[in-house]
N, C-alpha and C. Protein backbone atom coordinates (compact mmCIF):
# COMPACT_ATOMS: atom_id res chain seq x y z
N MET A 1 -4.55 8.65 22.43
CA MET A 1 -2.96 9.05 21.41
C MET A 1 -3.17 7.99 20.62
N THR A 2 -2.38 8.89 19.62
CA THR A 2 -2.08 8.02 18.07
C THR A 2 -0.58 7.77 18.30
N THR A 3 -0.18 6.89 17.33
CA THR A 3 0.92 6.63 17.11
C THR A 3 1.42 6.82 15.98
N PRO A 4 2.39 7.25 15.59
CA PRO A 4 3.02 7.65 14.46
C PRO A 4 3.64 5.89 13.70
N TYR A 5 3.49 6.17 12.23
CA TYR A 5 3.69 4.83 11.14
C TYR A 5 4.48 5.57 10.12
N ARG A 6 4.74 4.06 9.58
CA ARG A 6 6.20 5.07 8.01
C ARG A 6 4.99 3.70 7.13
N ILE A 7 4.49 4.10 6.40
CA ILE A 7 3.50 3.11 5.14
C ILE A 7 4.38 3.43 4.01
N ILE A 8 4.84 2.05 3.61
CA ILE A 8 5.20 1.93 1.99
C ILE A 8 4.75 1.47 1.65
N TRP A 9 4.10 1.65 -0.06
CA TRP A 9 3.39 1.35 -0.61
C TRP A 9 4.46 1.01 -2.49
N GLU A 10 4.68 -0.78 -2.67
CA GLU A 10 5.66 -0.67 -3.93
C GLU A 10 4.77 -1.13 -5.17
N ILE A 11 5.65 -1.17 -6.16
CA ILE A 11 4.79 -1.26 -7.28
C ILE A 11 6.21 -1.59 -8.20
N GLU A 12 5.96 -2.25 -9.05
CA GLU A 12 6.97 -2.19 -9.97
C GLU A 12 6.53 -1.94 -11.40
N LEU A 13 6.51 -0.93 -12.79
CA LEU A 13 6.68 -0.58 -13.82
C LEU A 13 7.49 0.03 -14.30
N ASP A 14 7.76 -0.22 -15.90
CA ASP A 14 8.13 0.52 -17.06
C ASP A 14 7.48 2.02 -17.08
N ALA A 15 8.50 2.89 -17.05
CA ALA A 15 8.76 4.15 -17.84
C ALA A 15 9.70 4.44 -18.24
N ASP A 16 10.02 5.65 -19.26
CA ASP A 16 10.74 6.44 -20.04
C ASP A 16 12.13 7.28 -18.86
N ASP A 17 11.44 7.20 -17.84
CA ASP A 17 12.47 8.25 -17.00
C ASP A 17 11.46 8.18 -15.07
N PRO A 18 12.16 8.93 -14.31
CA PRO A 18 11.57 9.04 -13.12
C PRO A 18 10.34 9.10 -12.41
N VAL A 19 10.77 10.24 -13.53
CA VAL A 19 9.07 11.56 -13.34
C VAL A 19 8.10 10.24 -13.55
N HIS A 20 8.05 10.28 -14.88
CA HIS A 20 7.39 9.37 -15.90
C HIS A 20 6.50 8.23 -14.60
N ALA A 21 7.59 7.94 -14.36
CA ALA A 21 7.29 6.42 -13.61
C ALA A 21 6.66 6.77 -12.16
N ALA A 22 6.96 7.59 -11.72
CA ALA A 22 6.11 8.44 -10.66
C ALA A 22 4.64 8.95 -10.81
N ARG A 23 4.75 8.91 -12.30
CA ARG A 23 3.33 9.18 -11.64
C ARG A 23 2.33 8.41 -12.79
N LYS A 24 3.01 7.36 -12.81
CA LYS A 24 2.49 6.60 -13.31
C LYS A 24 1.80 5.50 -11.76
N ALA A 25 2.33 5.28 -11.03
CA ALA A 25 2.82 5.06 -9.59
C ALA A 25 1.24 5.94 -9.29
N LEU A 26 1.69 7.00 -9.53
CA LEU A 26 0.36 8.46 -8.40
C LEU A 26 -1.59 7.80 -9.30
N ALA A 27 -1.43 7.79 -10.44
CA ALA A 27 -2.93 7.54 -11.29
C ALA A 27 -3.25 5.91 -10.51
N LEU A 28 -2.31 5.30 -10.99
CA LEU A 28 -2.51 4.07 -10.18
C LEU A 28 -3.31 4.42 -8.44
N HIS A 29 -2.31 4.49 -7.50
CA HIS A 29 -2.42 4.67 -6.73
C HIS A 29 -4.25 5.58 -6.15
N ARG A 30 -4.40 7.13 -7.02
CA ARG A 30 -5.35 7.24 -6.45
C ARG A 30 -6.68 6.93 -7.50
N ASP A 31 -6.07 5.65 -8.53
CA ASP A 31 -7.45 4.96 -9.70
C ASP A 31 -8.55 4.42 -7.91
N PRO A 32 -9.74 4.85 -8.30
CA PRO A 32 -10.66 4.32 -7.29
C PRO A 32 -11.11 2.32 -7.48
N ARG A 33 -10.80 1.85 -8.93
CA ARG A 33 -10.60 0.61 -9.48
C ARG A 33 -9.50 -0.08 -9.08
N SER A 34 -8.30 0.56 -8.04
CA SER A 34 -7.10 -0.26 -8.16
C SER A 34 -7.23 -1.40 -7.07
N TRP A 35 -6.51 -1.90 -6.97
CA TRP A 35 -6.79 -3.08 -6.08
C TRP A 35 -4.91 -2.83 -5.17
N ALA A 36 -4.57 -1.58 -5.48
CA ALA A 36 -3.06 -1.58 -4.97
C ALA A 36 -3.58 -0.98 -3.73
N THR A 37 -4.23 -2.68 -3.03
CA THR A 37 -4.36 -2.49 -1.45
C THR A 37 -3.81 -2.68 -0.08
N VAL A 38 -2.37 -3.40 -0.77
CA VAL A 38 -1.26 -4.20 0.37
C VAL A 38 -0.48 -2.71 0.69
N PHE A 39 0.12 -2.32 1.99
CA PHE A 39 0.74 -1.82 2.40
C PHE A 39 2.06 -2.75 3.29
N THR A 40 3.06 -2.39 3.64
CA THR A 40 3.77 -2.32 4.75
C THR A 40 3.90 -1.32 5.84
N VAL A 41 4.02 -1.41 6.39
CA VAL A 41 3.53 -0.74 7.78
C VAL A 41 4.76 -0.79 8.65
N HIS A 42 4.97 -0.02 9.47
CA HIS A 42 6.61 0.28 9.85
C HIS A 42 5.95 0.93 11.48
N PRO A 43 5.52 0.72 12.78
CA PRO A 43 4.91 1.34 13.72
C PRO A 43 6.64 2.51 14.47
N ASP A 44 5.86 3.89 14.42
CA ASP A 44 7.48 4.37 15.29
C ASP A 44 7.78 3.77 16.11
N GLY A 45 9.09 3.48 16.11
CA GLY A 45 9.71 2.65 17.63
C GLY A 45 9.75 1.34 18.09
N ASP A 46 9.07 0.74 17.21
CA ASP A 46 8.71 -0.95 17.43
C ASP A 46 9.88 -1.36 15.71
N THR A 47 10.09 -2.73 16.54
CA THR A 47 10.63 -3.61 15.43
C THR A 47 10.34 -4.10 14.32
N GLN A 48 9.06 -4.35 15.16
CA GLN A 48 7.93 -5.78 13.67
C GLN A 48 7.39 -4.39 12.56
N VAL A 49 8.17 -5.16 11.72
CA VAL A 49 7.24 -4.65 10.60
C VAL A 49 6.11 -5.78 10.06
N LEU A 50 4.86 -4.61 9.56
CA LEU A 50 3.81 -5.71 9.06
C LEU A 50 3.26 -5.87 7.60
N THR A 51 3.33 -6.35 6.88
CA THR A 51 2.29 -5.74 5.62
C THR A 51 0.43 -6.41 5.95
N VAL A 52 0.05 -4.52 5.76
CA VAL A 52 -1.65 -4.91 5.71
C VAL A 52 -1.83 -4.85 4.16
N ASP A 53 -2.80 -6.61 4.01
CA ASP A 53 -3.72 -6.36 3.40
C ASP A 53 -5.17 -5.47 3.44
N LEU A 54 -5.08 -4.55 2.79
CA LEU A 54 -6.99 -4.06 2.73
C LEU A 54 -7.96 -4.66 2.33
N ASP A 55 -7.65 -5.73 0.89
CA ASP A 55 -8.55 -6.15 0.61
C ASP A 55 -7.82 -7.66 -0.01
N PRO A 56 -7.53 -8.51 1.25
CA PRO A 56 -6.67 -10.11 0.39
C PRO A 56 -7.73 -10.87 0.00
N LYS A 57 -9.31 -10.72 -0.33
CA LYS A 57 -9.97 -11.58 -0.67
C LYS A 57 -10.73 -10.97 -2.41
N HIS A 58 -9.83 -9.78 -2.50
CA HIS A 58 -10.11 -9.02 -4.16
C HIS A 58 -11.49 -9.13 -4.06
N LEU A 59 -12.07 -8.42 -3.68
CA LEU A 59 -13.65 -7.77 -3.37
C LEU A 59 -14.02 -7.07 -3.54
N ASP A 60 -13.50 -6.21 -3.03
CA ASP A 60 -13.51 -5.15 -3.06
C ASP A 60 -12.68 -3.88 -2.35
N PRO A 61 -12.11 -3.01 -3.75
CA PRO A 61 -10.76 -2.48 -3.77
C PRO A 61 -10.68 -1.34 -3.40
N SER A 62 -12.02 -1.16 -2.79
CA SER A 62 -12.32 0.69 -2.10
C SER A 62 -11.16 0.24 -0.61
N GLY A 63 -10.70 -0.64 0.08
CA GLY A 63 -9.95 -1.13 1.29
C GLY A 63 -11.24 -1.02 2.13
N ASN A 64 -12.80 -1.61 2.43
CA ASN A 64 -12.89 -1.08 3.24
C ASN A 64 -13.46 -2.75 3.34
N GLY A 65 -12.90 -3.57 3.26
CA GLY A 65 -13.06 -5.25 3.03
C GLY A 65 -12.71 -5.43 4.88
N THR A 66 -12.37 -7.00 5.02
CA THR A 66 -11.47 -7.60 6.11
C THR A 66 -10.37 -7.65 6.02
N PRO A 67 -9.53 -6.69 6.91
CA PRO A 67 -8.12 -6.37 5.91
C PRO A 67 -6.91 -8.04 6.56
N ARG A 68 -6.26 -7.79 6.06
CA ARG A 68 -5.37 -9.24 6.92
C ARG A 68 -3.76 -8.35 7.40
N VAL A 69 -3.48 -8.75 8.23
CA VAL A 69 -1.99 -7.70 9.05
C VAL A 69 -1.18 -9.38 9.03
N THR A 70 0.38 -9.17 8.86
CA THR A 70 1.01 -10.91 8.86
C THR A 70 2.17 -9.72 8.70
N PRO A 71 3.00 -10.10 10.01
CA PRO A 71 4.36 -9.84 10.28
C PRO A 71 5.08 -10.42 9.10
N VAL A 72 6.27 -9.09 8.63
CA VAL A 72 6.98 -9.52 7.61
C VAL A 72 8.21 -10.11 8.23
């Protein structure tokens, strides 16, 4: 049985308008060399919010390293 999660990835960047900002963020997130590996995770039905860093040692931007999970 799987559990539903709400996942949030945040980034601050400068752009000309909201669409340009979204496109820049998407390009960064899809870049295989991107270090965008930290997510806020909300388990459905659970009040505990977690931060999941898929590459806390900044060694493997693929996200396949040893993750660090911490309560928010």
